[in-house]
N, C-alpha and C. Protein backbone atom coordinates (compact mmCIF):
# COMPACT_ATOMS: atom_id res chain seq x y z
N GLN A 1 -12.74 15.29 7.57
CA GLN A 1 -12.86 13.87 7.26
C GLN A 1 -11.66 13.43 6.45
N VAL A 2 -11.11 12.27 6.81
CA VAL A 2 -9.94 11.75 6.13
C VAL A 2 -10.38 10.87 4.97
N ARG A 3 -9.83 11.14 3.80
CA ARG A 3 -10.13 10.33 2.63
C ARG A 3 -8.83 9.83 2.02
N LEU A 4 -8.78 8.53 1.72
CA LEU A 4 -7.62 7.92 1.10
C LEU A 4 -8.04 7.34 -0.24
N VAL A 5 -7.31 7.67 -1.29
CA VAL A 5 -7.65 7.20 -2.63
C VAL A 5 -6.45 6.51 -3.24
N GLU A 6 -6.59 5.19 -3.46
CA GLU A 6 -5.52 4.41 -4.08
C GLU A 6 -5.62 4.46 -5.59
N SER A 7 -4.50 4.29 -6.25
CA SER A 7 -4.45 4.17 -7.70
C SER A 7 -3.19 3.40 -8.08
N GLY A 8 -3.14 2.97 -9.34
CA GLY A 8 -1.95 2.30 -9.84
C GLY A 8 -2.09 0.81 -10.04
N GLY A 9 -3.18 0.22 -9.57
CA GLY A 9 -3.38 -1.20 -9.79
C GLY A 9 -3.58 -1.50 -11.27
N ASP A 10 -3.12 -2.69 -11.67
CA ASP A 10 -3.19 -3.03 -13.10
C ASP A 10 -2.93 -4.52 -13.27
N LEU A 11 -3.01 -4.97 -14.50
CA LEU A 11 -2.61 -6.32 -14.89
C LEU A 11 -1.15 -6.26 -15.34
N VAL A 12 -0.32 -7.12 -14.76
CA VAL A 12 1.11 -7.12 -15.09
C VAL A 12 1.60 -8.56 -15.18
N GLN A 13 2.61 -8.79 -15.99
CA GLN A 13 3.16 -10.14 -16.13
C GLN A 13 4.07 -10.47 -14.95
N PRO A 14 4.22 -11.74 -14.64
CA PRO A 14 5.16 -12.14 -13.58
C PRO A 14 6.56 -11.57 -13.86
N GLY A 15 7.19 -11.08 -12.81
CA GLY A 15 8.49 -10.44 -12.95
C GLY A 15 8.41 -8.95 -13.21
N GLY A 16 7.22 -8.45 -13.46
CA GLY A 16 7.04 -7.04 -13.75
C GLY A 16 6.96 -6.18 -12.51
N SER A 17 6.72 -4.89 -12.74
CA SER A 17 6.68 -3.91 -11.65
C SER A 17 5.43 -3.05 -11.75
N LEU A 18 5.01 -2.57 -10.59
CA LEU A 18 3.92 -1.59 -10.51
C LEU A 18 4.23 -0.66 -9.35
N ARG A 19 3.71 0.57 -9.43
CA ARG A 19 3.78 1.48 -8.30
C ARG A 19 2.37 1.91 -7.92
N LEU A 20 2.00 1.60 -6.70
CA LEU A 20 0.71 2.04 -6.18
C LEU A 20 0.87 3.38 -5.48
N SER A 21 -0.17 4.20 -5.58
CA SER A 21 -0.19 5.48 -4.89
C SER A 21 -1.43 5.57 -4.01
N CYS A 22 -1.31 6.30 -2.92
CA CYS A 22 -2.44 6.55 -2.02
C CYS A 22 -2.43 8.03 -1.68
N ALA A 23 -3.37 8.76 -2.24
CA ALA A 23 -3.47 10.19 -1.99
C ALA A 23 -4.38 10.45 -0.80
N ALA A 24 -3.88 11.22 0.16
CA ALA A 24 -4.64 11.53 1.38
C ALA A 24 -5.23 12.93 1.29
N SER A 25 -6.39 13.11 1.92
CA SER A 25 -7.06 14.40 1.90
C SER A 25 -6.58 15.31 3.04
N VAL A 26 -5.64 14.79 3.85
CA VAL A 26 -5.09 15.56 4.96
C VAL A 26 -3.57 15.50 4.89
N SER A 27 -2.93 16.35 5.66
CA SER A 27 -1.47 16.32 5.72
C SER A 27 -1.02 15.01 6.35
N ILE A 28 -0.09 14.32 5.70
CA ILE A 28 0.35 13.02 6.22
C ILE A 28 1.60 13.13 7.07
N SER A 29 2.17 14.31 7.15
CA SER A 29 3.45 14.45 7.84
C SER A 29 3.36 14.11 9.32
N LYS A 30 2.18 14.27 9.90
CA LYS A 30 2.04 13.99 11.33
C LYS A 30 1.26 12.71 11.60
N ILE A 31 0.91 11.97 10.57
CA ILE A 31 0.21 10.70 10.78
C ILE A 31 1.17 9.70 11.39
N TYR A 32 0.76 9.06 12.47
CA TYR A 32 1.65 8.17 13.20
C TYR A 32 2.17 7.03 12.33
N ASN A 33 1.29 6.44 11.56
CA ASN A 33 1.68 5.28 10.77
C ASN A 33 0.77 5.14 9.55
N MET A 34 1.36 4.82 8.41
CA MET A 34 0.57 4.54 7.20
C MET A 34 1.08 3.23 6.62
N GLY A 35 0.16 2.53 5.96
CA GLY A 35 0.60 1.24 5.45
C GLY A 35 -0.22 0.74 4.29
N TRP A 36 0.21 -0.40 3.77
CA TRP A 36 -0.48 -1.12 2.71
C TRP A 36 -0.85 -2.50 3.22
N TYR A 37 -2.06 -2.90 2.86
CA TYR A 37 -2.56 -4.24 3.16
C TYR A 37 -3.13 -4.81 1.88
N ARG A 38 -3.29 -6.12 1.83
CA ARG A 38 -3.91 -6.73 0.66
C ARG A 38 -4.89 -7.80 1.11
N GLN A 39 -5.81 -8.08 0.21
CA GLN A 39 -6.85 -9.06 0.53
C GLN A 39 -7.11 -9.95 -0.66
N TYR A 40 -7.04 -11.26 -0.40
CA TYR A 40 -7.38 -12.26 -1.40
C TYR A 40 -8.86 -12.57 -1.27
N PRO A 41 -9.50 -13.04 -2.35
CA PRO A 41 -10.93 -13.37 -2.27
C PRO A 41 -11.21 -14.37 -1.15
N GLY A 42 -12.16 -14.04 -0.31
CA GLY A 42 -12.56 -14.93 0.75
C GLY A 42 -11.60 -15.00 1.93
N LYS A 43 -10.58 -14.15 1.94
CA LYS A 43 -9.58 -14.18 3.01
C LYS A 43 -9.59 -12.87 3.79
N GLU A 44 -8.94 -12.91 4.97
CA GLU A 44 -8.78 -11.71 5.77
C GLU A 44 -7.75 -10.78 5.11
N ARG A 45 -7.92 -9.51 5.37
CA ARG A 45 -6.94 -8.55 4.89
C ARG A 45 -5.61 -8.80 5.61
N GLU A 46 -4.48 -8.73 4.88
CA GLU A 46 -3.19 -9.01 5.50
C GLU A 46 -2.22 -7.86 5.30
N PHE A 47 -1.33 -7.75 6.25
CA PHE A 47 -0.31 -6.70 6.25
C PHE A 47 0.70 -6.90 5.13
N VAL A 48 1.05 -5.81 4.44
CA VAL A 48 2.09 -5.86 3.41
C VAL A 48 3.30 -5.04 3.85
N ALA A 49 3.08 -3.77 4.18
CA ALA A 49 4.18 -2.89 4.58
C ALA A 49 3.60 -1.66 5.28
N ASP A 50 4.41 -1.06 6.14
CA ASP A 50 4.01 0.22 6.72
C ASP A 50 5.22 1.10 6.96
N ILE A 51 4.94 2.37 7.21
CA ILE A 51 6.00 3.35 7.43
C ILE A 51 5.50 4.34 8.48
N ASP A 52 6.36 4.62 9.46
CA ASP A 52 5.91 5.50 10.53
C ASP A 52 6.30 6.95 10.24
N ARG A 53 5.97 7.81 11.19
CA ARG A 53 6.18 9.25 11.01
C ARG A 53 7.64 9.58 10.78
N ALA A 54 8.53 8.79 11.37
CA ALA A 54 9.96 9.04 11.23
C ALA A 54 10.53 8.46 9.95
N GLY A 55 9.70 7.69 9.21
CA GLY A 55 10.17 7.10 7.97
C GLY A 55 10.69 5.68 8.11
N THR A 56 10.52 5.09 9.27
CA THR A 56 10.94 3.71 9.47
C THR A 56 9.92 2.76 8.85
N ALA A 57 10.39 1.86 8.00
CA ALA A 57 9.51 0.95 7.27
C ALA A 57 9.61 -0.47 7.81
N ASP A 58 8.51 -1.20 7.63
CA ASP A 58 8.45 -2.60 8.00
C ASP A 58 7.71 -3.35 6.90
N TYR A 59 8.10 -4.61 6.67
CA TYR A 59 7.54 -5.38 5.57
C TYR A 59 7.13 -6.77 6.02
N ALA A 60 6.13 -7.31 5.35
CA ALA A 60 5.82 -8.73 5.51
C ALA A 60 6.95 -9.53 4.89
N ASP A 61 7.22 -10.71 5.46
CA ASP A 61 8.32 -11.53 4.94
C ASP A 61 8.13 -11.86 3.46
N SER A 62 6.89 -12.01 3.05
CA SER A 62 6.60 -12.43 1.67
C SER A 62 6.96 -11.37 0.63
N VAL A 63 7.16 -10.12 1.06
CA VAL A 63 7.45 -9.06 0.09
C VAL A 63 8.81 -8.40 0.33
N LYS A 64 9.50 -8.78 1.38
CA LYS A 64 10.81 -8.19 1.68
C LYS A 64 11.75 -8.37 0.51
N GLY A 65 12.44 -7.28 0.15
CA GLY A 65 13.40 -7.33 -0.95
C GLY A 65 12.76 -7.11 -2.31
N ARG A 66 11.42 -7.12 -2.36
CA ARG A 66 10.72 -6.92 -3.64
C ARG A 66 9.87 -5.65 -3.64
N PHE A 67 9.31 -5.30 -2.49
CA PHE A 67 8.44 -4.13 -2.37
C PHE A 67 9.14 -3.05 -1.56
N THR A 68 8.86 -1.79 -1.91
CA THR A 68 9.40 -0.66 -1.16
C THR A 68 8.29 0.34 -0.88
N ILE A 69 8.09 0.66 0.39
CA ILE A 69 7.11 1.66 0.78
C ILE A 69 7.81 3.00 0.97
N SER A 70 7.13 4.06 0.56
CA SER A 70 7.69 5.40 0.74
C SER A 70 6.55 6.41 0.81
N LYS A 71 6.87 7.63 1.19
CA LYS A 71 5.85 8.66 1.23
C LYS A 71 6.45 10.00 0.86
N ASP A 72 5.59 10.86 0.32
CA ASP A 72 5.98 12.21 -0.04
C ASP A 72 5.08 13.14 0.76
N ASN A 73 5.61 13.70 1.83
CA ASN A 73 4.79 14.54 2.70
C ASN A 73 4.29 15.79 1.98
N ALA A 74 5.08 16.30 1.05
CA ALA A 74 4.67 17.51 0.34
C ALA A 74 3.45 17.25 -0.55
N LYS A 75 3.34 16.01 -1.04
CA LYS A 75 2.21 15.64 -1.91
C LYS A 75 1.12 14.90 -1.16
N ASN A 76 1.35 14.67 0.14
CA ASN A 76 0.37 13.91 0.95
C ASN A 76 0.04 12.57 0.30
N THR A 77 1.06 11.89 -0.16
CA THR A 77 0.89 10.65 -0.90
C THR A 77 1.81 9.55 -0.38
N LEU A 78 1.24 8.37 -0.25
CA LEU A 78 1.96 7.16 0.14
C LEU A 78 2.14 6.30 -1.11
N TYR A 79 3.29 5.63 -1.21
CA TYR A 79 3.57 4.80 -2.39
C TYR A 79 3.93 3.38 -1.98
N LEU A 80 3.73 2.47 -2.92
CA LEU A 80 4.25 1.11 -2.77
C LEU A 80 4.83 0.71 -4.12
N GLN A 81 6.15 0.65 -4.19
CA GLN A 81 6.83 0.18 -5.39
C GLN A 81 6.93 -1.34 -5.30
N MET A 82 6.37 -2.02 -6.28
CA MET A 82 6.34 -3.48 -6.28
C MET A 82 7.14 -3.99 -7.47
N ASP A 83 8.22 -4.69 -7.20
CA ASP A 83 9.07 -5.26 -8.24
C ASP A 83 9.05 -6.79 -8.13
N SER A 84 9.52 -7.42 -9.18
CA SER A 84 9.59 -8.90 -9.22
C SER A 84 8.26 -9.51 -8.80
N LEU A 85 7.20 -9.02 -9.38
CA LEU A 85 5.87 -9.46 -8.98
C LEU A 85 5.64 -10.92 -9.32
N LYS A 86 4.87 -11.58 -8.44
CA LYS A 86 4.55 -13.00 -8.59
C LYS A 86 3.03 -13.15 -8.69
N PRO A 87 2.59 -14.27 -9.25
CA PRO A 87 1.13 -14.48 -9.32
C PRO A 87 0.47 -14.42 -7.95
N GLU A 88 1.18 -14.84 -6.91
CA GLU A 88 0.59 -14.82 -5.57
C GLU A 88 0.48 -13.42 -4.98
N ASP A 89 0.99 -12.41 -5.69
CA ASP A 89 0.77 -11.02 -5.27
C ASP A 89 -0.57 -10.49 -5.76
N THR A 90 -1.27 -11.29 -6.56
CA THR A 90 -2.58 -10.87 -7.05
C THR A 90 -3.55 -10.71 -5.89
N ALA A 91 -4.11 -9.51 -5.75
CA ALA A 91 -5.00 -9.19 -4.63
C ALA A 91 -5.51 -7.77 -4.81
N VAL A 92 -6.44 -7.40 -3.95
CA VAL A 92 -6.85 -6.00 -3.83
C VAL A 92 -5.97 -5.36 -2.76
N TYR A 93 -5.34 -4.26 -3.08
CA TYR A 93 -4.43 -3.57 -2.17
C TYR A 93 -5.11 -2.34 -1.58
N TYR A 94 -5.00 -2.22 -0.25
CA TYR A 94 -5.64 -1.13 0.47
C TYR A 94 -4.61 -0.28 1.19
N CYS A 95 -4.84 1.01 1.20
CA CYS A 95 -4.04 1.96 1.94
C CYS A 95 -4.68 2.17 3.32
N ASN A 96 -3.84 2.32 4.34
CA ASN A 96 -4.32 2.51 5.70
C ASN A 96 -3.59 3.67 6.36
N ALA A 97 -4.33 4.42 7.18
CA ALA A 97 -3.72 5.50 7.96
C ALA A 97 -4.22 5.39 9.41
N GLU A 98 -3.26 5.38 10.33
CA GLU A 98 -3.59 5.34 11.75
C GLU A 98 -3.59 6.77 12.29
N ILE A 99 -4.77 7.30 12.54
CA ILE A 99 -4.91 8.63 13.12
C ILE A 99 -5.74 8.45 14.37
N SER A 100 -5.02 8.30 15.47
CA SER A 100 -5.65 7.91 16.73
C SER A 100 -6.88 8.75 17.05
N PRO A 101 -7.97 8.10 17.48
CA PRO A 101 -8.09 6.68 17.77
C PRO A 101 -8.65 5.86 16.62
N TRP A 102 -8.62 6.40 15.41
CA TRP A 102 -9.26 5.73 14.29
C TRP A 102 -8.26 5.17 13.30
N ASP A 103 -8.75 4.15 12.57
CA ASP A 103 -8.07 3.61 11.40
C ASP A 103 -8.86 4.02 10.18
N TYR A 104 -8.18 4.53 9.16
CA TYR A 104 -8.85 4.91 7.93
C TYR A 104 -8.35 4.02 6.79
N TRP A 105 -9.28 3.73 5.86
CA TRP A 105 -8.96 2.84 4.74
C TRP A 105 -9.40 3.47 3.43
N GLY A 106 -8.65 3.17 2.37
CA GLY A 106 -9.08 3.54 1.04
C GLY A 106 -10.03 2.49 0.48
N GLN A 107 -10.41 2.69 -0.78
CA GLN A 107 -11.39 1.79 -1.39
C GLN A 107 -10.74 0.57 -2.03
N GLY A 108 -9.41 0.59 -2.16
CA GLY A 108 -8.69 -0.54 -2.72
C GLY A 108 -8.41 -0.40 -4.21
N THR A 109 -7.34 -1.05 -4.64
CA THR A 109 -6.99 -1.08 -6.06
C THR A 109 -6.54 -2.50 -6.41
N GLN A 110 -7.02 -3.00 -7.54
CA GLN A 110 -6.77 -4.40 -7.91
C GLN A 110 -5.40 -4.53 -8.60
N VAL A 111 -4.62 -5.47 -8.11
CA VAL A 111 -3.37 -5.85 -8.75
C VAL A 111 -3.51 -7.30 -9.21
N THR A 112 -3.26 -7.52 -10.49
CA THR A 112 -3.34 -8.88 -11.05
C THR A 112 -2.02 -9.20 -11.74
N VAL A 113 -1.39 -10.29 -11.31
CA VAL A 113 -0.12 -10.72 -11.88
C VAL A 113 -0.37 -12.03 -12.61
N SER A 114 -0.30 -11.96 -13.93
CA SER A 114 -0.64 -13.12 -14.74
C SER A 114 -0.02 -12.98 -16.11
N SER A 115 0.35 -14.13 -16.68
CA SER A 115 0.86 -14.12 -18.05
C SER A 115 -0.26 -14.38 -19.04
């Protein structure tokens, strides 16, 4: 069974930084694609960033140049470095792993950007 556990969410001031982590219970080196999504209250979950098996990353336009996705295969951990945070980045952030034919999700971690 695949388990994803996010951590690193916190309250941070605008302009600050946070690093989210997603620890997987399986080896991530062969996972086709892993990513981060976020969800605002009452809204659909939305794409933030993802990274494929080869290390190619993709970002939502709203976070390009501010967020960096990376992974450490030896630690089976996915990261999201978030810089220059804005109040509109406030959301619950979820880790995702595509292991065909299933999608796996973590439980989410709250990020709050406020002064």
